[in-house]
């Protein structure tokens, strides 16, 4: 085999392995990632409303 053919075969096998890893790996931990993603943009439900600076107009 020519050297260039061996390099092409190695690159093709590496690309297939990387594609398989990207396809399989996220599905194993998708439950935790989905839960963290939904909590990231969730605003807090308990706001401190006592003891702040009084609001006054800026004229």
PDB file of N, CA and C in Angstrom:
ATOM      1  N   UNK A   1       0.841  -1.191   0.000  1.00  0.00           N
ATOM      2  CA  UNK A   1       0.000   0.000   0.000  1.00  0.00           C
ATOM      3  C   UNK A   1       0.878   1.245   0.000  1.00  0.00           C
ATOM      4  N   UNK A   2       0.373   2.240  -0.649  1.00  0.00           N
ATOM      5  CA  UNK A   2       1.103   3.492  -0.651  1.00  0.00           C
ATOM      6  C   UNK A   2       0.964   4.173   0.708  1.00  0.00           C
ATOM      7  N   UNK A   3       1.888   5.020   0.982  1.00  0.00           N
ATOM      8  CA  UNK A   3       1.885   5.741   2.255  1.00  0.00           C
ATOM      9  C   UNK A   3       0.663   6.653   2.365  1.00  0.00           C
ATOM     10  N   UNK A   4       0.280   7.300   1.268  1.00  0.00           N
ATOM     11  CA  UNK A   4      -0.877   8.201   1.298  1.00  0.00           C
ATOM     12  C   UNK A   4      -2.174   7.427   1.543  1.00  0.00           C
ATOM     13  N   UNK A   5      -2.279   6.213   1.052  1.00  0.00           N
ATOM     14  CA  UNK A   5      -3.469   5.402   1.279  1.00  0.00           C
ATOM     15  C   UNK A   5      -3.578   5.001   2.754  1.00  0.00           C
ATOM     16  N   UNK A   6      -2.460   4.691   3.366  1.00  0.00           N
ATOM     17  CA  UNK A   6      -2.459   4.337   4.794  1.00  0.00           C
ATOM     18  C   UNK A   6      -2.886   5.536   5.630  1.00  0.00           C
ATOM     19  N   UNK A   7      -2.389   6.705   5.274  1.00  0.00           N
ATOM     20  CA  UNK A   7      -2.762   7.922   6.012  1.00  0.00           C
ATOM     21  C   UNK A   7      -4.249   8.194   5.862  1.00  0.00           C
ATOM     22  N   UNK A   8      -4.786   8.012   4.672  1.00  0.00           N
ATOM     23  CA  UNK A   8      -6.220   8.235   4.454  1.00  0.00           C
ATOM     24  C   UNK A   8      -7.054   7.249   5.267  1.00  0.00           C
ATOM     25  N   UNK A   9      -6.640   5.992   5.316  1.00  0.00           N
ATOM     26  CA  UNK A   9      -7.360   4.981   6.095  1.00  0.00           C
ATOM     27  C   UNK A   9      -7.317   5.316   7.586  1.00  0.00           C
ATOM     28  N   UNK A  10      -6.175   5.735   8.084  1.00  0.00           N
ATOM     29  CA  UNK A  10      -6.056   6.097   9.503  1.00  0.00           C
ATOM     30  C   UNK A  10      -6.932   7.302   9.819  1.00  0.00           C
ATOM     31  N   UNK A  11      -6.966   8.288   8.951  1.00  0.00           N
ATOM     32  CA  UNK A  11      -7.803   9.472   9.171  1.00  0.00           C
ATOM     33  C   UNK A  11      -9.277   9.095   9.135  1.00  0.00           C
ATOM     34  N   UNK A  12      -9.655   8.214   8.208  1.00  0.00           N
ATOM     35  CA  UNK A  12     -11.054   7.787   8.114  1.00  0.00           C
ATOM     36  C   UNK A  12     -11.484   7.031   9.362  1.00  0.00           C
ATOM     37  N   UNK A  13     -10.625   6.135   9.847  1.00  0.00           N
ATOM     38  CA  UNK A  13     -10.955   5.388  11.069  1.00  0.00           C
ATOM     39  C   UNK A  13     -11.040   6.337  12.265  1.00  0.00           C
ATOM     40  N   UNK A  14     -10.144   7.308  12.339  1.00  0.00           N
ATOM     41  CA  UNK A  14     -10.180   8.288  13.437  1.00  0.00           C
ATOM     42  C   UNK A  14     -11.453   9.119  13.385  1.00  0.00           C
ATOM     43  N   UNK A  15     -11.862   9.515  12.191  1.00  0.00           N
ATOM     44  CA  UNK A  15     -13.083  10.303  12.048  1.00  0.00           C
ATOM     45  C   UNK A  15     -14.309   9.492  12.448  1.00  0.00           C
ATOM     46  N   UNK A  16     -14.335   8.218  12.081  1.00  0.00           N
ATOM     47  CA  UNK A  16     -15.457   7.360  12.487  1.00  0.00           C
ATOM     48  C   UNK A  16     -15.496   7.179  14.000  1.00  0.00           C
ATOM     49  N   UNK A  17     -14.342   6.996  14.612  1.00  0.00           N
ATOM     50  CA  UNK A  17     -14.291   6.831  16.062  1.00  0.00           C
ATOM     51  C   UNK A  17     -14.725   8.113  16.773  1.00  0.00           C
ATOM     52  N   UNK A  18     -14.286   9.262  16.276  1.00  0.00           N
ATOM     53  CA  UNK A  18     -14.678  10.537  16.886  1.00  0.00           C
ATOM     54  C   UNK A  18     -16.172  10.778  16.717  1.00  0.00           C
ATOM     55  N   UNK A  19     -16.709  10.460  15.555  1.00  0.00           N
ATOM     56  CA  UNK A  19     -18.140  10.618  15.334  1.00  0.00           C
ATOM     57  C   UNK A  19     -18.965   9.715  16.226  1.00  0.00           C
ATOM     58  N   UNK A  20     -18.517   8.476  16.400  1.00  0.00           N
ATOM     59  CA  UNK A  20     -19.226   7.549  17.289  1.00  0.00           C
ATOM     60  C   UNK A  20     -19.171   8.035  18.730  1.00  0.00           C
ATOM     61  N   UNK A  21     -18.019   8.561  19.141  1.00  0.00           N
ATOM     62  CA  UNK A  21     -17.907   9.059  20.515  1.00  0.00           C
ATOM     63  C   UNK A  21     -18.820  10.254  20.741  1.00  0.00           C
ATOM     64  N   UNK A  22     -18.881  11.163  19.773  1.00  0.00           N
ATOM     65  CA  UNK A  22     -19.758  12.328  19.916  1.00  0.00           C
ATOM     66  C   UNK A  22     -21.227  11.937  19.894  1.00  0.00           C
ATOM     67  N   UNK A  23     -21.560  10.893  19.171  1.00  0.00           N
ATOM     68  CA  UNK A  23     -22.951  10.455  19.086  1.00  0.00           C
ATOM     69  C   UNK A  23     -23.379   9.699  20.335  1.00  0.00           C
ATOM     70  N   UNK A  24     -22.497   8.904  20.918  1.00  0.00           N
ATOM     71  CA  UNK A  24     -22.852   8.041  22.048  1.00  0.00           C
ATOM     72  C   UNK A  24     -22.633   8.735  23.393  1.00  0.00           C
ATOM     73  N   UNK A  25     -21.571   9.490  23.558  1.00  0.00           N
ATOM     74  CA  UNK A  25     -21.197  10.058  24.854  1.00  0.00           C
ATOM     75  C   UNK A  25     -22.241  11.016  25.434  1.00  0.00           C
ATOM     76  N   UNK A  26     -22.802  11.979  24.704  1.00  0.00           N
ATOM     77  CA  UNK A  26     -23.761  12.900  25.320  1.00  0.00           C
ATOM     78  C   UNK A  26     -25.049  12.218  25.778  1.00  0.00           C
ATOM     79  N   UNK A  27     -25.433  11.113  25.157  1.00  0.00           N
ATOM     80  CA  UNK A  27     -26.674  10.451  25.527  1.00  0.00           C
ATOM     81  C   UNK A  27     -26.582   9.769  26.884  1.00  0.00           C
ATOM     82  N   UNK A  28     -25.377   9.422  27.322  1.00  0.00           N
ATOM     83  CA  UNK A  28     -25.250   8.746  28.610  1.00  0.00           C
ATOM     84  C   UNK A  28     -25.467   9.702  29.782  1.00  0.00           C
ATOM     85  N   UNK A  29     -25.168  11.003  29.608  1.00  0.00           N
ATOM     86  CA  UNK A  29     -25.326  11.962  30.697  1.00  0.00           C
ATOM     87  C   UNK A  29     -26.339  13.046  30.347  1.00  0.00           C
ATOM     88  N   UNK A  30     -27.264  12.756  29.453  1.00  0.00           N
ATOM     89  CA  UNK A  30     -28.197  13.793  29.017  1.00  0.00           C
ATOM     90  C   UNK A  30     -29.213  14.146  30.099  1.00  0.00           C
ATOM     91  N   UNK A  31     -29.510  13.239  31.019  1.00  0.00           N
ATOM     92  CA  UNK A  31     -30.478  13.514  32.083  1.00  0.00           C
ATOM     93  C   UNK A  31     -29.970  14.644  32.985  1.00  0.00           C
ATOM     94  N   UNK A  32     -28.728  14.562  33.414  1.00  0.00           N
ATOM     95  CA  UNK A  32     -28.168  15.596  34.280  1.00  0.00           C
ATOM     96  C   UNK A  32     -27.997  16.915  33.550  1.00  0.00           C
ATOM     97  N   UNK A  33     -27.610  16.855  32.297  1.00  0.00           N
ATOM     98  CA  UNK A  33     -27.415  18.081  31.523  1.00  0.00           C
ATOM     99  C   UNK A  33     -28.741  18.780  31.271  1.00  0.00           C
ATOM    100  N   UNK A  34     -29.790  18.021  31.031  1.00  0.00           N
ATOM    101  CA  UNK A  34     -31.108  18.622  30.813  1.00  0.00           C
ATOM    102  C   UNK A  34     -31.605  19.299  32.078  1.00  0.00           C
ATOM    103  N   UNK A  35     -31.400  18.667  33.200  1.00  0.00           N
ATOM    104  CA  UNK A  35     -31.851  19.245  34.470  1.00  0.00           C
ATOM    105  C   UNK A  35     -31.065  20.512  34.792  1.00  0.00           C
ATOM    106  N   UNK A  36     -29.750  20.473  34.596  1.00  0.00           N
ATOM    107  CA  UNK A  36     -28.939  21.658  34.858  1.00  0.00           C
ATOM    108  C   UNK A  36     -29.283  22.785  33.896  1.00  0.00           C
ATOM    109  N   UNK A  37     -29.584  22.453  32.660  1.00  0.00           N
ATOM    110  CA  UNK A  37     -29.940  23.464  31.673  1.00  0.00           C
ATOM    111  C   UNK A  37     -31.248  24.152  32.001  1.00  0.00           C
ATOM    112  N   UNK A  38     -32.218  23.404  32.522  1.00  0.00           N
ATOM    113  CA  UNK A  38     -33.503  24.010  32.856  1.00  0.00           C
ATOM    114  C   UNK A  38     -33.403  24.873  34.108  1.00  0.00           C
ATOM    115  N   UNK A  39     -32.491  24.555  34.999  1.00  0.00           N
ATOM    116  CA  UNK A  39     -32.326  25.350  36.220  1.00  0.00           C
ATOM    117  C   UNK A  39     -31.452  26.579  35.997  1.00  0.00           C
ATOM    118  N   UNK A  40     -30.681  26.610  34.915  1.00  0.00           N
ATOM    119  CA  UNK A  40     -29.756  27.715  34.689  1.00  0.00           C
ATOM    120  C   UNK A  40     -30.500  29.010  34.434  1.00  0.00           C
ATOM    121  N   UNK A  41     -31.552  28.987  33.628  1.00  0.00           N
ATOM    122  CA  UNK A  41     -32.287  30.193  33.275  1.00  0.00           C
ATOM    123  C   UNK A  41     -33.494  30.431  34.174  1.00  0.00           C
ATOM    124  N   UNK A  42     -33.711  29.594  35.164  1.00  0.00           N
ATOM    125  CA  UNK A  42     -34.861  29.733  36.050  1.00  0.00           C
ATOM    126  C   UNK A  42     -34.599  30.859  37.061  1.00  0.00           C
ATOM    127  N   UNK A  43     -35.464  31.860  37.120  1.00  0.00           N
ATOM    128  CA  UNK A  43     -35.232  32.959  38.066  1.00  0.00           C
ATOM    129  C   UNK A  43     -35.539  32.518  39.496  1.00  0.00           C
ATOM    130  N   UNK A  44     -34.924  33.147  40.472  1.00  0.00           N
ATOM    131  CA  UNK A  44     -35.231  32.795  41.862  1.00  0.00           C
ATOM    132  C   UNK A  44     -36.666  33.173  42.204  1.00  0.00           C
ATOM    133  N   UNK A  45     -37.314  32.377  43.042  1.00  0.00           N
ATOM    134  CA  UNK A  45     -38.715  32.608  43.373  1.00  0.00           C
ATOM    135  C   UNK A  45     -38.882  33.390  44.676  1.00  0.00           C
ATOM    136  N   UNK A  46     -37.840  33.482  45.479  1.00  0.00           N
ATOM    137  CA  UNK A  46     -37.963  34.208  46.750  1.00  0.00           C
ATOM    138  C   UNK A  46     -37.055  35.444  46.708  1.00  0.00           C
ATOM    139  N   UNK A  47     -37.669  36.590  46.610  1.00  0.00           N
ATOM    140  CA  UNK A  47     -36.940  37.846  46.559  1.00  0.00           C
ATOM    141  C   UNK A  47     -37.013  38.536  47.923  1.00  0.00           C
ATOM    142  N   UNK A  48     -35.886  39.068  48.361  1.00  0.00           N
ATOM    143  CA  UNK A  48     -35.852  39.809  49.611  1.00  0.00           C
ATOM    144  C   UNK A  48     -36.475  41.174  49.366  1.00  0.00           C
ATOM    145  N   UNK A  49     -37.555  41.467  50.078  1.00  0.00           N
ATOM    146  CA  UNK A  49     -38.276  42.722  49.852  1.00  0.00           C
ATOM    147  C   UNK A  49     -38.267  43.633  51.078  1.00  0.00           C
ATOM    148  N   UNK A  50     -37.561  43.274  52.121  1.00  0.00           N
ATOM    149  CA  UNK A  50     -37.570  44.109  53.325  1.00  0.00           C
ATOM    150  C   UNK A  50     -36.209  44.760  53.526  1.00  0.00           C
ATOM    151  N   UNK A  51     -36.230  45.974  54.082  1.00  0.00           N
ATOM    152  CA  UNK A  51     -35.001  46.640  54.487  1.00  0.00           C
ATOM    153  C   UNK A  51     -34.159  47.175  53.352  1.00  0.00           C
ATOM    154  N   UNK A  52     -34.738  47.666  52.302  1.00  0.00           N
ATOM    155  CA  UNK A  52     -33.948  48.215  51.201  1.00  0.00           C
ATOM    156  C   UNK A  52     -33.933  49.726  51.227  1.00  0.00           C
ATOM    157  N   UNK A  53     -33.360  50.307  50.221  1.00  0.00           N
ATOM    158  CA  UNK A  53     -33.334  51.757  50.096  1.00  0.00           C
ATOM    159  C   UNK A  53     -34.691  52.224  49.593  1.00  0.00           C
ATOM    160  N   UNK A  54     -35.276  53.269  50.191  1.00  0.00           N
ATOM    161  CA  UNK A  54     -36.574  53.748  49.703  1.00  0.00           C
ATOM    162  C   UNK A  54     -36.453  54.327  48.299  1.00  0.00           C
ATOM    163  N   UNK A  55     -37.478  54.107  47.540  1.00  0.00           N
ATOM    164  CA  UNK A  55     -37.468  54.612  46.169  1.00  0.00           C
ATOM    165  C   UNK A  55     -37.873  56.080  46.152  1.00  0.00           C
ATOM    166  N   UNK A  56     -37.141  56.895  45.462  1.00  0.00           N
ATOM    167  CA  UNK A  56     -37.495  58.299  45.316  1.00  0.00           C
ATOM    168  C   UNK A  56     -37.160  58.736  43.907  1.00  0.00           C
ATOM    169  N   UNK A  57     -37.914  59.655  43.369  1.00  0.00           N
ATOM    170  CA  UNK A  57     -37.672  60.067  41.977  1.00  0.00           C
ATOM    171  C   UNK A  57     -36.377  60.855  41.859  1.00  0.00           C
ATOM    172  N   UNK A  58     -35.726  60.705  40.735  1.00  0.00           N
ATOM    173  CA  UNK A  58     -34.495  61.454  40.453  1.00  0.00           C
ATOM    174  C   UNK A  58     -34.865  62.632  39.559  1.00  0.00           C
ATOM    175  N   UNK A  59     -34.990  63.818  40.140  1.00  0.00           N
ATOM    176  CA  UNK A  59     -35.367  65.000  39.380  1.00  0.00           C
ATOM    177  C   UNK A  59     -34.170  65.805  39.031  1.00  0.00           C
TER     178      UNK A  59
END
